[in-house]
Amino acid sequence: MHINKKTRALLGLTIFVFAGIAASHTESSTHENLKVLPKDISKDDLDKVMESYEKALGVECSYCHVKSKKDTLQWNYAGDEKPEKEITRKMMKMTEKINHEFFEYKMTYKPDELELLAVKCNTCHYGSPRPELREEKKEQ
């Protein structure tokens, strides 16, 4: 079969365009409803950040998230049904503000940086979802 030059050029151009689109298409974030964490956070970094929160608060995913109504084997991470999720967002903003204002630290929410923070979840929570008030002992 003989393909003329115009058809060959058009075919080559088409392949070139689609290859360019495929190469430039980065993995888009599938994360929805991120209000404090960066919208472009990788899945791996997001998982590590969530694991650090689980450890610091001694909780599991179900503390802030609910299962999908369509498929109860899947989590609905984007849903805001639980008030604990909004409380967590406020706490994240609070620690971010403290670290920035008092320690001049800019939060990027990379898992490695969370260990370097002056103030982090575990500073108050110590593995409990509701930190206990610790009374200071008065020196006598």
N, C-alpha and C. Protein backbone atom coordinates (compact mmCIF):
# COMPACT_ATOMS: atom_id res chain seq x y z
N MET A 1 0.84 -1.17 0.00
CA MET A 1 0.00 0.00 0.00
C MET A 1 0.89 1.24 0.00
N HIS A 2 0.57 2.18 -0.84
CA HIS A 2 1.38 3.38 -1.00
C HIS A 2 0.63 4.58 -0.41
N ILE A 3 1.27 5.26 0.56
CA ILE A 3 0.67 6.42 1.20
C ILE A 3 1.32 7.67 0.63
N ASN A 4 0.51 8.62 0.15
CA ASN A 4 1.10 9.82 -0.44
C ASN A 4 1.74 10.70 0.64
N LYS A 5 2.53 11.66 0.20
CA LYS A 5 3.32 12.50 1.11
C LYS A 5 2.43 13.33 2.05
N LYS A 6 1.31 13.85 1.55
CA LYS A 6 0.43 14.67 2.39
C LYS A 6 -0.18 13.84 3.52
N THR A 7 -0.62 12.64 3.18
CA THR A 7 -1.21 11.76 4.19
C THR A 7 -0.17 11.36 5.22
N ARG A 8 1.03 11.06 4.77
CA ARG A 8 2.12 10.68 5.66
C ARG A 8 2.47 11.85 6.60
N ALA A 9 2.54 13.06 6.03
CA ALA A 9 2.85 14.24 6.84
C ALA A 9 1.75 14.50 7.86
N LEU A 10 0.49 14.37 7.44
CA LEU A 10 -0.64 14.57 8.35
C LEU A 10 -0.64 13.53 9.46
N LEU A 11 -0.37 12.30 9.09
CA LEU A 11 -0.29 11.22 10.08
C LEU A 11 0.84 11.48 11.07
N GLY A 12 1.99 11.89 10.57
CA GLY A 12 3.14 12.18 11.43
C GLY A 12 2.86 13.34 12.36
N LEU A 13 2.21 14.38 11.82
CA LEU A 13 1.87 15.54 12.63
C LEU A 13 0.87 15.16 13.73
N THR A 14 -0.11 14.34 13.38
CA THR A 14 -1.10 13.88 14.35
C THR A 14 -0.43 13.10 15.48
N ILE A 15 0.46 12.20 15.11
CA ILE A 15 1.17 11.41 16.12
C ILE A 15 2.01 12.33 17.00
N PHE A 16 2.67 13.31 16.37
CA PHE A 16 3.50 14.25 17.11
C PHE A 16 2.67 15.05 18.12
N VAL A 17 1.51 15.53 17.71
CA VAL A 17 0.63 16.31 18.59
C VAL A 17 0.16 15.46 19.77
N PHE A 18 -0.32 14.23 19.48
CA PHE A 18 -0.79 13.37 20.57
C PHE A 18 0.34 12.96 21.50
N ALA A 19 1.52 12.71 20.96
CA ALA A 19 2.67 12.38 21.80
C ALA A 19 3.03 13.55 22.70
N GLY A 20 2.96 14.77 22.15
CA GLY A 20 3.24 15.97 22.94
C GLY A 20 2.24 16.16 24.06
N ILE A 21 0.97 15.93 23.74
CA ILE A 21 -0.07 16.05 24.77
C ILE A 21 0.14 15.02 25.86
N ALA A 22 0.43 13.79 25.47
CA ALA A 22 0.65 12.73 26.45
C ALA A 22 1.87 13.02 27.32
N ALA A 23 2.94 13.54 26.72
CA ALA A 23 4.16 13.82 27.48
C ALA A 23 3.98 14.99 28.43
N SER A 24 3.18 15.98 28.02
CA SER A 24 3.01 17.16 28.87
C SER A 24 1.94 16.97 29.92
N HIS A 25 1.13 15.95 29.79
CA HIS A 25 0.07 15.69 30.75
C HIS A 25 0.66 15.03 31.98
N THR A 26 0.77 15.82 33.06
CA THR A 26 1.28 15.27 34.30
C THR A 26 0.12 14.62 35.05
N GLU A 27 0.48 13.76 35.96
CA GLU A 27 -0.55 13.09 36.75
C GLU A 27 -1.31 14.15 37.53
N SER A 28 -2.56 14.32 37.19
CA SER A 28 -3.34 15.34 37.88
C SER A 28 -3.73 14.82 39.25
N SER A 29 -3.85 15.76 40.15
CA SER A 29 -4.22 15.41 41.51
C SER A 29 -5.65 14.90 41.52
N THR A 30 -5.86 13.79 42.16
CA THR A 30 -7.20 13.25 42.29
C THR A 30 -7.80 13.62 43.63
N HIS A 31 -7.06 14.45 44.37
CA HIS A 31 -7.53 14.86 45.69
C HIS A 31 -8.57 15.96 45.53
N GLU A 32 -9.66 15.78 46.23
CA GLU A 32 -10.72 16.77 46.19
C GLU A 32 -10.89 17.39 47.58
N ASN A 33 -11.33 18.62 47.59
CA ASN A 33 -11.72 19.29 48.82
C ASN A 33 -10.54 19.53 49.77
N LEU A 34 -9.35 19.74 49.24
CA LEU A 34 -8.23 20.10 50.10
C LEU A 34 -8.32 21.59 50.38
N LYS A 35 -8.42 21.95 51.65
CA LYS A 35 -8.58 23.36 52.01
C LYS A 35 -7.36 23.92 52.73
N VAL A 36 -6.54 23.06 53.30
CA VAL A 36 -5.33 23.52 53.98
C VAL A 36 -4.09 22.92 53.30
N LEU A 37 -4.12 21.65 53.04
CA LEU A 37 -3.00 21.00 52.36
C LEU A 37 -2.88 21.52 50.93
N PRO A 38 -1.66 21.54 50.38
CA PRO A 38 -1.48 22.02 49.01
C PRO A 38 -2.27 21.17 48.02
N LYS A 39 -2.89 21.81 47.06
CA LYS A 39 -3.71 21.09 46.07
C LYS A 39 -2.86 20.16 45.20
N ASP A 40 -1.57 20.46 45.06
CA ASP A 40 -0.70 19.65 44.21
C ASP A 40 0.11 18.61 45.00
N ILE A 41 -0.29 18.35 46.23
CA ILE A 41 0.43 17.35 47.04
C ILE A 41 0.33 15.98 46.38
N SER A 42 1.41 15.24 46.39
CA SER A 42 1.39 13.91 45.78
C SER A 42 0.61 12.95 46.67
N LYS A 43 0.14 11.87 46.08
CA LYS A 43 -0.60 10.87 46.85
C LYS A 43 0.28 10.30 47.96
N ASP A 44 1.54 10.05 47.64
CA ASP A 44 2.47 9.50 48.62
C ASP A 44 2.67 10.46 49.79
N ASP A 45 2.87 11.75 49.49
CA ASP A 45 3.05 12.73 50.56
C ASP A 45 1.77 12.89 51.38
N LEU A 46 0.63 12.90 50.71
CA LEU A 46 -0.65 13.02 51.42
C LEU A 46 -0.84 11.83 52.36
N ASP A 47 -0.55 10.63 51.88
CA ASP A 47 -0.67 9.45 52.73
C ASP A 47 0.24 9.55 53.95
N LYS A 48 1.46 10.01 53.76
CA LYS A 48 2.41 10.13 54.88
C LYS A 48 1.95 11.19 55.88
N VAL A 49 1.42 12.30 55.38
CA VAL A 49 0.91 13.35 56.28
C VAL A 49 -0.25 12.79 57.09
N MET A 50 -1.18 12.10 56.43
CA MET A 50 -2.32 11.52 57.14
C MET A 50 -1.87 10.49 58.17
N GLU A 51 -0.87 9.68 57.83
CA GLU A 51 -0.35 8.70 58.77
C GLU A 51 0.27 9.38 59.99
N SER A 52 0.92 10.53 59.77
CA SER A 52 1.50 11.25 60.91
C SER A 52 0.40 11.77 61.83
N TYR A 53 -0.73 12.21 61.24
CA TYR A 53 -1.86 12.67 62.06
C TYR A 53 -2.48 11.50 62.82
N GLU A 54 -2.62 10.36 62.15
CA GLU A 54 -3.17 9.17 62.81
C GLU A 54 -2.33 8.81 64.04
N LYS A 55 -1.02 8.84 63.87
CA LYS A 55 -0.12 8.47 64.96
C LYS A 55 -0.18 9.51 66.09
N ALA A 56 -0.15 10.79 65.74
CA ALA A 56 -0.14 11.84 66.75
C ALA A 56 -1.43 11.87 67.56
N LEU A 57 -2.54 11.52 66.92
CA LEU A 57 -3.84 11.57 67.60
C LEU A 57 -4.32 10.19 68.05
N GLY A 58 -3.62 9.13 67.65
CA GLY A 58 -4.03 7.79 68.03
C GLY A 58 -5.37 7.40 67.43
N VAL A 59 -5.61 7.81 66.19
CA VAL A 59 -6.89 7.54 65.53
C VAL A 59 -6.66 6.82 64.20
N GLU A 60 -7.77 6.46 63.57
CA GLU A 60 -7.72 5.86 62.24
C GLU A 60 -8.51 6.76 61.29
N CYS A 61 -8.52 6.40 60.01
CA CYS A 61 -9.19 7.21 58.98
C CYS A 61 -10.62 7.57 59.37
N SER A 62 -11.32 6.64 60.00
CA SER A 62 -12.74 6.84 60.33
C SER A 62 -12.97 7.97 61.33
N TYR A 63 -11.92 8.46 61.95
CA TYR A 63 -12.09 9.57 62.90
C TYR A 63 -12.54 10.83 62.18
N CYS A 64 -12.01 11.06 60.98
CA CYS A 64 -12.36 12.27 60.21
C CYS A 64 -13.14 11.96 58.93
N HIS A 65 -13.01 10.74 58.42
CA HIS A 65 -13.58 10.39 57.13
C HIS A 65 -14.69 9.35 57.24
N VAL A 66 -15.55 9.32 56.23
CA VAL A 66 -16.65 8.34 56.17
C VAL A 66 -16.49 7.48 54.93
N LYS A 67 -17.15 6.36 54.95
CA LYS A 67 -17.14 5.48 53.78
C LYS A 67 -18.05 6.06 52.69
N SER A 68 -17.76 5.69 51.47
CA SER A 68 -18.56 6.13 50.33
C SER A 68 -19.95 5.53 50.41
N LYS A 69 -20.95 6.31 50.06
CA LYS A 69 -22.32 5.80 50.05
C LYS A 69 -22.55 4.86 48.88
N LYS A 70 -21.79 5.06 47.80
CA LYS A 70 -21.93 4.21 46.61
C LYS A 70 -21.24 2.87 46.79
N ASP A 71 -20.08 2.90 47.45
CA ASP A 71 -19.29 1.69 47.64
C ASP A 71 -18.71 1.72 49.04
N THR A 72 -19.31 0.96 49.94
CA THR A 72 -18.90 1.00 51.35
C THR A 72 -17.51 0.41 51.60
N LEU A 73 -16.88 -0.11 50.56
CA LEU A 73 -15.50 -0.58 50.72
C LEU A 73 -14.50 0.55 50.46
N GLN A 74 -14.99 1.67 49.94
CA GLN A 74 -14.14 2.82 49.61
C GLN A 74 -14.41 3.98 50.58
N TRP A 75 -13.37 4.77 50.81
CA TRP A 75 -13.50 5.95 51.65
C TRP A 75 -13.94 7.14 50.83
N ASN A 76 -14.75 8.01 51.41
CA ASN A 76 -15.11 9.29 50.80
C ASN A 76 -14.24 10.35 51.48
N TYR A 77 -13.00 10.47 51.04
CA TYR A 77 -12.06 11.39 51.67
C TYR A 77 -12.47 12.85 51.47
N ALA A 78 -13.19 13.15 50.41
CA ALA A 78 -13.57 14.54 50.13
C ALA A 78 -14.74 15.02 50.98
N GLY A 79 -15.51 14.11 51.51
CA GLY A 79 -16.70 14.48 52.27
C GLY A 79 -16.39 15.25 53.55
N ASP A 80 -17.30 16.13 53.90
CA ASP A 80 -17.15 16.94 55.12
C ASP A 80 -18.21 16.60 56.16
N GLU A 81 -18.70 15.37 56.17
CA GLU A 81 -19.78 15.00 57.07
C GLU A 81 -19.39 15.06 58.54
N LYS A 82 -18.13 14.78 58.85
CA LYS A 82 -17.72 14.72 60.25
C LYS A 82 -17.12 16.05 60.71
N PRO A 83 -17.58 16.56 61.84
CA PRO A 83 -17.03 17.83 62.33
C PRO A 83 -15.54 17.74 62.68
N GLU A 84 -15.08 16.55 62.98
CA GLU A 84 -13.66 16.37 63.32
C GLU A 84 -12.75 16.82 62.18
N LYS A 85 -13.22 16.67 60.96
CA LYS A 85 -12.41 17.07 59.81
C LYS A 85 -12.19 18.58 59.79
N GLU A 86 -13.23 19.34 60.07
CA GLU A 86 -13.09 20.80 60.09
C GLU A 86 -12.27 21.24 61.30
N ILE A 87 -12.41 20.56 62.41
CA ILE A 87 -11.60 20.86 63.59
C ILE A 87 -10.12 20.62 63.25
N THR A 88 -9.84 19.53 62.55
CA THR A 88 -8.47 19.23 62.14
C THR A 88 -7.92 20.33 61.25
N ARG A 89 -8.73 20.81 60.32
CA ARG A 89 -8.28 21.91 59.46
C ARG A 89 -7.92 23.14 60.29
N LYS A 90 -8.75 23.45 61.28
CA LYS A 90 -8.47 24.61 62.14
C LYS A 90 -7.18 24.40 62.92
N MET A 91 -6.97 23.18 63.39
CA MET A 91 -5.75 22.88 64.14
C MET A 91 -4.53 22.97 63.22
N MET A 92 -4.67 22.52 61.99
CA MET A 92 -3.56 22.62 61.03
C MET A 92 -3.20 24.09 60.79
N LYS A 93 -4.22 24.93 60.63
CA LYS A 93 -3.98 26.37 60.42
C LYS A 93 -3.33 27.00 61.65
N MET A 94 -3.77 26.55 62.83
CA MET A 94 -3.21 27.08 64.06
C MET A 94 -1.72 26.73 64.17
N THR A 95 -1.38 25.46 63.96
CA THR A 95 0.04 25.08 64.07
C THR A 95 0.87 25.74 62.98
N GLU A 96 0.28 25.89 61.79
CA GLU A 96 0.98 26.58 60.71
C GLU A 96 1.28 28.04 61.11
N LYS A 97 0.29 28.69 61.70
CA LYS A 97 0.44 30.09 62.13
C LYS A 97 1.50 30.20 63.23
N ILE A 98 1.44 29.32 64.20
CA ILE A 98 2.41 29.35 65.30
C ILE A 98 3.82 29.14 64.75
N ASN A 99 3.99 28.13 63.91
CA ASN A 99 5.31 27.83 63.36
C ASN A 99 5.83 28.98 62.49
N HIS A 100 4.94 29.64 61.78
CA HIS A 100 5.37 30.75 60.93
C HIS A 100 5.69 32.00 61.74
N GLU A 101 4.77 32.39 62.63
CA GLU A 101 4.93 33.64 63.36
C GLU A 101 6.02 33.60 64.42
N PHE A 102 6.16 32.48 65.09
CA PHE A 102 7.11 32.42 66.19
C PHE A 102 8.43 31.75 65.82
N PHE A 103 8.43 30.93 64.78
CA PHE A 103 9.64 30.20 64.43
C PHE A 103 10.06 30.43 62.98
N GLU A 104 9.36 31.34 62.29
CA GLU A 104 9.66 31.72 60.91
C GLU A 104 9.77 30.50 59.98
N TYR A 105 8.84 29.59 60.15
CA TYR A 105 8.84 28.37 59.36
C TYR A 105 7.70 28.40 58.36
N LYS A 106 8.00 28.17 57.08
CA LYS A 106 6.99 28.15 56.01
C LYS A 106 6.57 26.70 55.77
N MET A 107 5.29 26.42 55.98
CA MET A 107 4.78 25.06 55.81
C MET A 107 4.62 24.71 54.34
N THR A 108 5.13 23.55 53.98
CA THR A 108 4.88 23.02 52.64
C THR A 108 4.22 21.64 52.72
N TYR A 109 4.08 21.12 53.91
CA TYR A 109 3.45 19.81 54.16
C TYR A 109 4.15 18.67 53.43
N LYS A 110 5.46 18.69 53.47
CA LYS A 110 6.24 17.55 53.02
C LYS A 110 6.45 16.67 54.25
N PRO A 111 6.30 15.37 54.11
CA PRO A 111 6.40 14.48 55.28
C PRO A 111 7.68 14.65 56.09
N ASP A 112 8.80 14.87 55.41
CA ASP A 112 10.08 15.00 56.12
C ASP A 112 10.12 16.26 56.99
N GLU A 113 9.44 17.31 56.56
CA GLU A 113 9.48 18.56 57.31
C GLU A 113 8.65 18.50 58.57
N LEU A 114 7.64 17.64 58.62
CA LEU A 114 6.76 17.59 59.78
C LEU A 114 7.50 17.24 61.06
N GLU A 115 8.57 16.48 60.94
CA GLU A 115 9.36 16.11 62.12
C GLU A 115 10.20 17.27 62.63
N LEU A 116 10.44 18.27 61.75
CA LEU A 116 11.31 19.39 62.11
C LEU A 116 10.55 20.56 62.72
N LEU A 117 9.25 20.51 62.71
CA LEU A 117 8.46 21.62 63.20
C LEU A 117 8.64 21.83 64.70
N ALA A 118 8.61 23.08 65.10
CA ALA A 118 8.69 23.38 66.53
C ALA A 118 7.41 22.94 67.23
N VAL A 119 6.27 23.22 66.59
CA VAL A 119 4.97 22.84 67.13
C VAL A 119 4.29 21.95 66.11
N LYS A 120 3.87 20.80 66.54
CA LYS A 120 3.17 19.85 65.67
C LYS A 120 2.06 19.19 66.46
N CYS A 121 1.30 18.35 65.84
CA CYS A 121 0.13 17.72 66.50
C CYS A 121 0.52 17.07 67.83
N ASN A 122 1.61 16.34 67.80
CA ASN A 122 2.02 15.58 68.97
C ASN A 122 2.48 16.46 70.12
N THR A 123 2.75 17.73 69.85
CA THR A 123 3.15 18.65 70.91
C THR A 123 2.10 18.69 72.02
N CYS A 124 0.83 18.62 71.63
CA CYS A 124 -0.25 18.66 72.62
C CYS A 124 -0.99 17.32 72.73
N HIS A 125 -1.13 16.62 71.63
CA HIS A 125 -2.00 15.44 71.61
C HIS A 125 -1.39 14.20 72.24
N TYR A 126 -0.13 13.96 72.09
CA TYR A 126 0.53 12.78 72.66
C TYR A 126 -0.25 11.49 72.42
N GLY A 127 -0.73 11.29 71.18
CA GLY A 127 -1.43 10.06 70.85
C GLY A 127 -2.89 10.01 71.26
N SER A 128 -3.46 11.14 71.63
CA SER A 128 -4.87 11.18 72.04
C SER A 128 -5.62 12.18 71.16
N PRO A 129 -6.84 11.83 70.72
CA PRO A 129 -7.59 12.75 69.87
C PRO A 129 -8.00 14.04 70.58
N ARG A 130 -8.15 13.96 71.88
CA ARG A 130 -8.49 15.16 72.67
C ARG A 130 -7.42 15.32 73.75
N PRO A 131 -6.54 16.29 73.55
CA PRO A 131 -5.46 16.44 74.53
C PRO A 131 -6.01 16.86 75.89
N GLU A 132 -5.43 16.31 76.90
CA GLU A 132 -5.84 16.66 78.27
C GLU A 132 -5.13 17.95 78.65
N LEU A 133 -5.81 18.75 79.43
CA LEU A 133 -5.17 19.95 79.94
C LEU A 133 -4.17 19.51 81.00
N ARG A 134 -3.00 20.01 80.88
CA ARG A 134 -1.96 19.66 81.84
C ARG A 134 -1.72 20.86 82.74
N GLU A 135 -2.02 20.69 83.98
CA GLU A 135 -1.82 21.79 84.92
C GLU A 135 -0.35 21.86 85.30
N GLU A 136 0.14 23.08 85.33
CA GLU A 136 1.51 23.25 85.76
C GLU A 136 1.55 23.17 87.28
N LYS A 137 2.55 22.48 87.76
CA LYS A 137 2.72 22.39 89.21
C LYS A 137 3.39 23.67 89.69
N LYS A 138 2.79 24.25 90.68
CA LYS A 138 3.35 25.48 91.22
C LYS A 138 4.51 25.12 92.14
N GLU A 139 5.60 25.86 91.94
CA GLU A 139 6.75 25.62 92.79
C GLU A 139 6.49 26.23 94.16
N GLN A 140 6.86 25.53 95.19
CA GLN A 140 6.61 26.01 96.55
C GLN A 140 7.85 26.39 97.24
